[in-house]
């Protein structure tokens, strides 16, 4: 199992990450599609070849093809949106907030899976990319759709742990060179 291989690669000084990785993926209450779509989108967003290589096969095995593509789409579109909206939010000139974005993001309206799942994956990627405006937007859509806070928190816990594992393993790889 790739998850076990990834856990075994985590150094002893990051034992908490190893335990948390097993917990947020292995003991998640999320339905399989929400769980593995979140894992895949976050693995992509982490930008870590090792993390993506280890988690992608299991995600693909647990997702229908349309969900697999949608999770990748969530990571892709949020890579763009998180930079755009975070920048617009951080600029002190409020006029940017009134300007038309002019960026295509059609996949958000028609992701090919349940809208709630796509929104959850988008929220998790936004957590990794640190876009407060996107986090608020996706959280509001999820709450209006009846998703509870525990489910939403589960998604950003997965994001937090995958990102921490990615940072740790990538740093260790550099230090081992």
C-alpha atoms as a PDB file:
ATOM      1  CA  UNK A   1       0.000   0.000   0.000  1.00  0.00           C
ATOM      2  CA  UNK A   2       1.402   3.380  -1.039  1.00  0.00           C
ATOM      3  CA  UNK A   3       0.099   5.089   2.098  1.00  0.00           C
ATOM      4  CA  UNK A   4       2.208   2.744   4.220  1.00  0.00           C
ATOM      5  CA  UNK A   5       5.253   3.484   2.066  1.00  0.00           C
ATOM      6  CA  UNK A   6       4.690   7.195   2.470  1.00  0.00           C
ATOM      7  CA  UNK A   7       4.298   6.828   6.238  1.00  0.00           C
ATOM      8  CA  UNK A   8       7.484   4.781   6.450  1.00  0.00           C
ATOM      9  CA  UNK A   9       9.391   7.531   4.615  1.00  0.00           C
ATOM     10  CA  UNK A  10       8.511  10.084   7.294  1.00  0.00           C
ATOM     11  CA  UNK A  11      11.479  10.588   9.638  1.00  0.00           C
ATOM     12  CA  UNK A  12      11.246   9.859  13.347  1.00  0.00           C
ATOM     13  CA  UNK A  13      11.400  13.550  14.279  1.00  0.00           C
ATOM     14  CA  UNK A  14       8.066  13.974  12.456  1.00  0.00           C
ATOM     15  CA  UNK A  15       6.305  11.039  14.116  1.00  0.00           C
ATOM     16  CA  UNK A  16       3.206  13.186  14.678  1.00  0.00           C
ATOM     17  CA  UNK A  17       2.872  13.597  10.913  1.00  0.00           C
ATOM     18  CA  UNK A  18       3.083   9.843  10.424  1.00  0.00           C
ATOM     19  CA  UNK A  19       0.345   9.280  12.981  1.00  0.00           C
ATOM     20  CA  UNK A  20      -1.790  12.100  11.590  1.00  0.00           C
ATOM     21  CA  UNK A  21      -1.427  10.868   8.009  1.00  0.00           C
ATOM     22  CA  UNK A  22      -2.702   7.450   9.011  1.00  0.00           C
ATOM     23  CA  UNK A  23      -5.507   9.020  10.994  1.00  0.00           C
ATOM     24  CA  UNK A  24      -6.822  11.602   8.516  1.00  0.00           C
ATOM     25  CA  UNK A  25      -6.816   9.135   5.639  1.00  0.00           C
ATOM     26  CA  UNK A  26      -7.228   5.770   7.337  1.00  0.00           C
ATOM     27  CA  UNK A  27      -9.849   6.816   9.892  1.00  0.00           C
ATOM     28  CA  UNK A  28     -11.735   9.457   7.939  1.00  0.00           C
ATOM     29  CA  UNK A  29     -15.519   9.621   8.148  1.00  0.00           C
ATOM     30  CA  UNK A  30     -15.695  11.179   4.686  1.00  0.00           C
ATOM     31  CA  UNK A  31     -17.288   9.115   1.923  1.00  0.00           C
ATOM     32  CA  UNK A  32     -14.662   7.478  -0.326  1.00  0.00           C
ATOM     33  CA  UNK A  33     -15.116   9.943  -3.193  1.00  0.00           C
ATOM     34  CA  UNK A  34     -14.800  12.984  -0.938  1.00  0.00           C
ATOM     35  CA  UNK A  35     -11.831  11.477   0.898  1.00  0.00           C
ATOM     36  CA  UNK A  36      -9.785  10.369  -2.093  1.00  0.00           C
ATOM     37  CA  UNK A  37     -10.671  13.420  -4.165  1.00  0.00           C
ATOM     38  CA  UNK A  38      -9.422  15.588  -1.302  1.00  0.00           C
ATOM     39  CA  UNK A  39      -6.276  13.476  -0.982  1.00  0.00           C
ATOM     40  CA  UNK A  40      -5.522  13.671  -4.712  1.00  0.00           C
ATOM     41  CA  UNK A  41      -6.213  17.406  -5.036  1.00  0.00           C
ATOM     42  CA  UNK A  42      -4.063  18.101  -1.964  1.00  0.00           C
ATOM     43  CA  UNK A  43      -1.242  15.846  -3.142  1.00  0.00           C
ATOM     44  CA  UNK A  44      -1.160  17.813  -6.395  1.00  0.00           C
ATOM     45  CA  UNK A  45      -1.354  21.152  -4.567  1.00  0.00           C
ATOM     46  CA  UNK A  46       1.507  20.134  -2.261  1.00  0.00           C
ATOM     47  CA  UNK A  47       3.824  20.200  -5.290  1.00  0.00           C
ATOM     48  CA  UNK A  48       5.737  17.233  -3.883  1.00  0.00           C
ATOM     49  CA  UNK A  49       6.652  14.562  -6.433  1.00  0.00           C
ATOM     50  CA  UNK A  50       7.096  11.970  -3.667  1.00  0.00           C
ATOM     51  CA  UNK A  51       3.728  12.647  -2.050  1.00  0.00           C
ATOM     52  CA  UNK A  52       1.901  12.686  -5.370  1.00  0.00           C
ATOM     53  CA  UNK A  53       3.663   9.547  -6.587  1.00  0.00           C
ATOM     54  CA  UNK A  54       2.715   7.627  -3.447  1.00  0.00           C
ATOM     55  CA  UNK A  55      -0.872   8.833  -3.024  1.00  0.00           C
ATOM     56  CA  UNK A  56      -2.065   9.083  -6.643  1.00  0.00           C
ATOM     57  CA  UNK A  57      -2.346   5.338  -7.396  1.00  0.00           C
ATOM     58  CA  UNK A  58      -4.511   4.739  -4.339  1.00  0.00           C
ATOM     59  CA  UNK A  59      -6.629   7.788  -5.147  1.00  0.00           C
ATOM     60  CA  UNK A  60      -7.108   6.562  -8.709  1.00  0.00           C
ATOM     61  CA  UNK A  61      -8.076   3.105  -7.443  1.00  0.00           C
ATOM     62  CA  UNK A  62     -10.682   4.611  -5.086  1.00  0.00           C
ATOM     63  CA  UNK A  63     -12.200   7.149  -7.482  1.00  0.00           C
ATOM     64  CA  UNK A  64     -14.387   6.754 -10.532  1.00  0.00           C
ATOM     65  CA  UNK A  65     -12.700   8.226 -13.630  1.00  0.00           C
ATOM     66  CA  UNK A  66     -14.897  11.339 -13.600  1.00  0.00           C
ATOM     67  CA  UNK A  67     -14.096  11.997  -9.920  1.00  0.00           C
ATOM     68  CA  UNK A  68     -10.392  11.438 -10.551  1.00  0.00           C
ATOM     69  CA  UNK A  69     -10.461  14.037 -13.353  1.00  0.00           C
ATOM     70  CA  UNK A  70     -12.564  16.436 -11.275  1.00  0.00           C
ATOM     71  CA  UNK A  71     -10.130  16.287  -8.343  1.00  0.00           C
ATOM     72  CA  UNK A  72      -7.275  17.090 -10.720  1.00  0.00           C
ATOM     73  CA  UNK A  73      -9.399  19.900 -12.166  1.00  0.00           C
ATOM     74  CA  UNK A  74      -9.995  21.308  -8.676  1.00  0.00           C
ATOM     75  CA  UNK A  75      -6.246  21.409  -8.039  1.00  0.00           C
ATOM     76  CA  UNK A  76      -5.627  23.050 -11.409  1.00  0.00           C
ATOM     77  CA  UNK A  77      -8.282  25.749 -11.295  1.00  0.00           C
ATOM     78  CA  UNK A  78      -7.569  26.583  -7.669  1.00  0.00           C
ATOM     79  CA  UNK A  79      -3.848  26.959  -8.428  1.00  0.00           C
ATOM     80  CA  UNK A  80      -4.905  29.850 -10.653  1.00  0.00           C
ATOM     81  CA  UNK A  81      -7.777  31.213  -8.552  1.00  0.00           C
ATOM     82  CA  UNK A  82      -5.867  31.147  -5.279  1.00  0.00           C
ATOM     83  CA  UNK A  83      -3.107  33.327  -6.696  1.00  0.00           C
ATOM     84  CA  UNK A  84      -5.546  35.693  -8.402  1.00  0.00           C
ATOM     85  CA  UNK A  85      -8.004  36.155  -5.535  1.00  0.00           C
ATOM     86  CA  UNK A  86      -5.355  36.160  -2.791  1.00  0.00           C
ATOM     87  CA  UNK A  87      -3.460  38.882  -4.639  1.00  0.00           C
ATOM     88  CA  UNK A  88      -6.588  40.931  -5.248  1.00  0.00           C
ATOM     89  CA  UNK A  89      -7.468  40.614  -1.565  1.00  0.00           C
ATOM     90  CA  UNK A  90      -3.974  41.549  -0.365  1.00  0.00           C
ATOM     91  CA  UNK A  91      -3.675  44.661  -2.489  1.00  0.00           C
ATOM     92  CA  UNK A  92      -4.672  47.745  -0.532  1.00  0.00           C
ATOM     93  CA  UNK A  93      -6.498  49.283  -3.517  1.00  0.00           C
ATOM     94  CA  UNK A  94     -10.155  48.123  -3.255  1.00  0.00           C
ATOM     95  CA  UNK A  95     -10.768  48.904  -6.932  1.00  0.00           C
ATOM     96  CA  UNK A  96      -9.237  45.537  -7.885  1.00  0.00           C
ATOM     97  CA  UNK A  97     -12.110  43.839  -6.067  1.00  0.00           C
ATOM     98  CA  UNK A  98     -14.612  45.518  -8.375  1.00  0.00           C
ATOM     99  CA  UNK A  99     -12.875  44.593 -11.611  1.00  0.00           C
ATOM    100  CA  UNK A 100     -13.958  41.652 -13.757  1.00  0.00           C
ATOM    101  CA  UNK A 101     -11.628  38.678 -13.321  1.00  0.00           C
ATOM    102  CA  UNK A 102     -11.701  37.747 -17.002  1.00  0.00           C
ATOM    103  CA  UNK A 103     -10.356  34.268 -16.268  1.00  0.00           C
ATOM    104  CA  UNK A 104     -12.027  31.077 -17.450  1.00  0.00           C
ATOM    105  CA  UNK A 105     -13.117  28.785 -14.651  1.00  0.00           C
ATOM    106  CA  UNK A 106     -15.957  26.859 -16.273  1.00  0.00           C
ATOM    107  CA  UNK A 107     -15.084  23.663 -14.417  1.00  0.00           C
ATOM    108  CA  UNK A 108     -16.402  25.170 -11.188  1.00  0.00           C
ATOM    109  CA  UNK A 109     -19.887  25.370 -12.687  1.00  0.00           C
ATOM    110  CA  UNK A 110     -19.734  21.937 -14.300  1.00  0.00           C
ATOM    111  CA  UNK A 111     -17.134  19.762 -12.560  1.00  0.00           C
ATOM    112  CA  UNK A 112     -18.549  16.393 -13.658  1.00  0.00           C
ATOM    113  CA  UNK A 113     -19.188  15.293 -10.045  1.00  0.00           C
ATOM    114  CA  UNK A 114     -21.410  16.400  -7.196  1.00  0.00           C
ATOM    115  CA  UNK A 115     -20.910  20.120  -6.628  1.00  0.00           C
ATOM    116  CA  UNK A 116     -20.346  19.561  -2.897  1.00  0.00           C
ATOM    117  CA  UNK A 117     -17.438  17.212  -3.569  1.00  0.00           C
ATOM    118  CA  UNK A 118     -15.770  19.669  -5.944  1.00  0.00           C
ATOM    119  CA  UNK A 119     -16.285  22.531  -3.491  1.00  0.00           C
ATOM    120  CA  UNK A 120     -14.737  20.460  -0.693  1.00  0.00           C
ATOM    121  CA  UNK A 121     -11.682  19.687  -2.832  1.00  0.00           C
ATOM    122  CA  UNK A 122     -11.407  23.346  -3.838  1.00  0.00           C
ATOM    123  CA  UNK A 123     -11.543  24.395  -0.187  1.00  0.00           C
ATOM    124  CA  UNK A 124      -8.782  21.942   0.733  1.00  0.00           C
ATOM    125  CA  UNK A 125      -6.525  23.178  -2.071  1.00  0.00           C
ATOM    126  CA  UNK A 126      -7.262  26.772  -1.040  1.00  0.00           C
ATOM    127  CA  UNK A 127      -6.120  25.910   2.483  1.00  0.00           C
ATOM    128  CA  UNK A 128      -2.772  24.717   1.125  1.00  0.00           C
ATOM    129  CA  UNK A 129      -2.433  27.761  -1.104  1.00  0.00           C
ATOM    130  CA  UNK A 130      -3.481  30.158   1.659  1.00  0.00           C
ATOM    131  CA  UNK A 131      -6.251  32.083  -0.065  1.00  0.00           C
ATOM    132  CA  UNK A 132      -8.612  33.415   2.586  1.00  0.00           C
ATOM    133  CA  UNK A 133     -11.104  34.781   0.093  1.00  0.00           C
ATOM    134  CA  UNK A 134     -11.375  31.391  -1.659  1.00  0.00           C
ATOM    135  CA  UNK A 135     -11.628  29.592   1.677  1.00  0.00           C
ATOM    136  CA  UNK A 136     -14.513  31.815   2.734  1.00  0.00           C
ATOM    137  CA  UNK A 137     -16.250  31.454  -0.620  1.00  0.00           C
ATOM    138  CA  UNK A 138     -16.050  27.640  -0.740  1.00  0.00           C
ATOM    139  CA  UNK A 139     -16.928  27.269   2.938  1.00  0.00           C
ATOM    140  CA  UNK A 140     -20.058  29.390   2.436  1.00  0.00           C
ATOM    141  CA  UNK A 141     -21.160  27.322  -0.576  1.00  0.00           C
ATOM    142  CA  UNK A 142     -20.624  24.115   1.405  1.00  0.00           C
ATOM    143  CA  UNK A 143     -22.510  25.401   4.458  1.00  0.00           C
ATOM    144  CA  UNK A 144     -25.428  26.577   2.272  1.00  0.00           C
ATOM    145  CA  UNK A 145     -25.514  23.065   0.786  1.00  0.00           C
ATOM    146  CA  UNK A 146     -25.932  21.630   4.289  1.00  0.00           C
ATOM    147  CA  UNK A 147     -22.370  20.395   4.826  1.00  0.00           C
ATOM    148  CA  UNK A 148     -21.469  20.443   8.510  1.00  0.00           C
ATOM    149  CA  UNK A 149     -18.389  22.089   9.962  1.00  0.00           C
ATOM    150  CA  UNK A 150     -16.907  18.727  10.943  1.00  0.00           C
ATOM    151  CA  UNK A 151     -16.834  17.605   7.304  1.00  0.00           C
ATOM    152  CA  UNK A 152     -15.294  20.892   6.209  1.00  0.00           C
ATOM    153  CA  UNK A 153     -12.686  20.675   8.948  1.00  0.00           C
ATOM    154  CA  UNK A 154     -11.921  17.095   7.914  1.00  0.00           C
ATOM    155  CA  UNK A 155     -10.981  18.383   4.445  1.00  0.00           C
ATOM    156  CA  UNK A 156      -8.608  21.043   5.704  1.00  0.00           C
ATOM    157  CA  UNK A 157      -7.098  18.619   8.226  1.00  0.00           C
ATOM    158  CA  UNK A 158      -6.233  16.377   5.281  1.00  0.00           C
ATOM    159  CA  UNK A 159      -4.777  19.409   3.487  1.00  0.00           C
ATOM    160  CA  UNK A 160      -2.700  20.382   6.524  1.00  0.00           C
ATOM    161  CA  UNK A 161      -1.252  16.923   7.026  1.00  0.00           C
ATOM    162  CA  UNK A 162      -0.495  16.268   3.360  1.00  0.00           C
ATOM    163  CA  UNK A 163       1.201  19.659   3.056  1.00  0.00           C
ATOM    164  CA  UNK A 164       3.266  19.048   6.208  1.00  0.00           C
ATOM    165  CA  UNK A 165       4.325  15.606   4.977  1.00  0.00           C
ATOM    166  CA  UNK A 166       5.281  17.107   1.604  1.00  0.00           C
ATOM    167  CA  UNK A 167       7.386  19.861   3.176  1.00  0.00           C
ATOM    168  CA  UNK A 168       9.111  17.409   5.503  1.00  0.00           C
ATOM    169  CA  UNK A 169       9.912  14.789   2.855  1.00  0.00           C
ATOM    170  CA  UNK A 170      11.064  17.361   0.309  1.00  0.00           C
ATOM    171  CA  UNK A 171      13.343  18.987   2.884  1.00  0.00           C
ATOM    172  CA  UNK A 172      14.796  15.620   3.860  1.00  0.00           C
ATOM    173  CA  UNK A 173      15.462  14.800   0.198  1.00  0.00           C
ATOM    174  CA  UNK A 174      17.371  18.044  -0.249  1.00  0.00           C
ATOM    175  CA  UNK A 175      19.357  17.499   2.942  1.00  0.00           C
ATOM    176  CA  UNK A 176      20.257  13.960   1.859  1.00  0.00           C
ATOM    177  CA  UNK A 177      21.857  15.194  -1.395  1.00  0.00           C
END
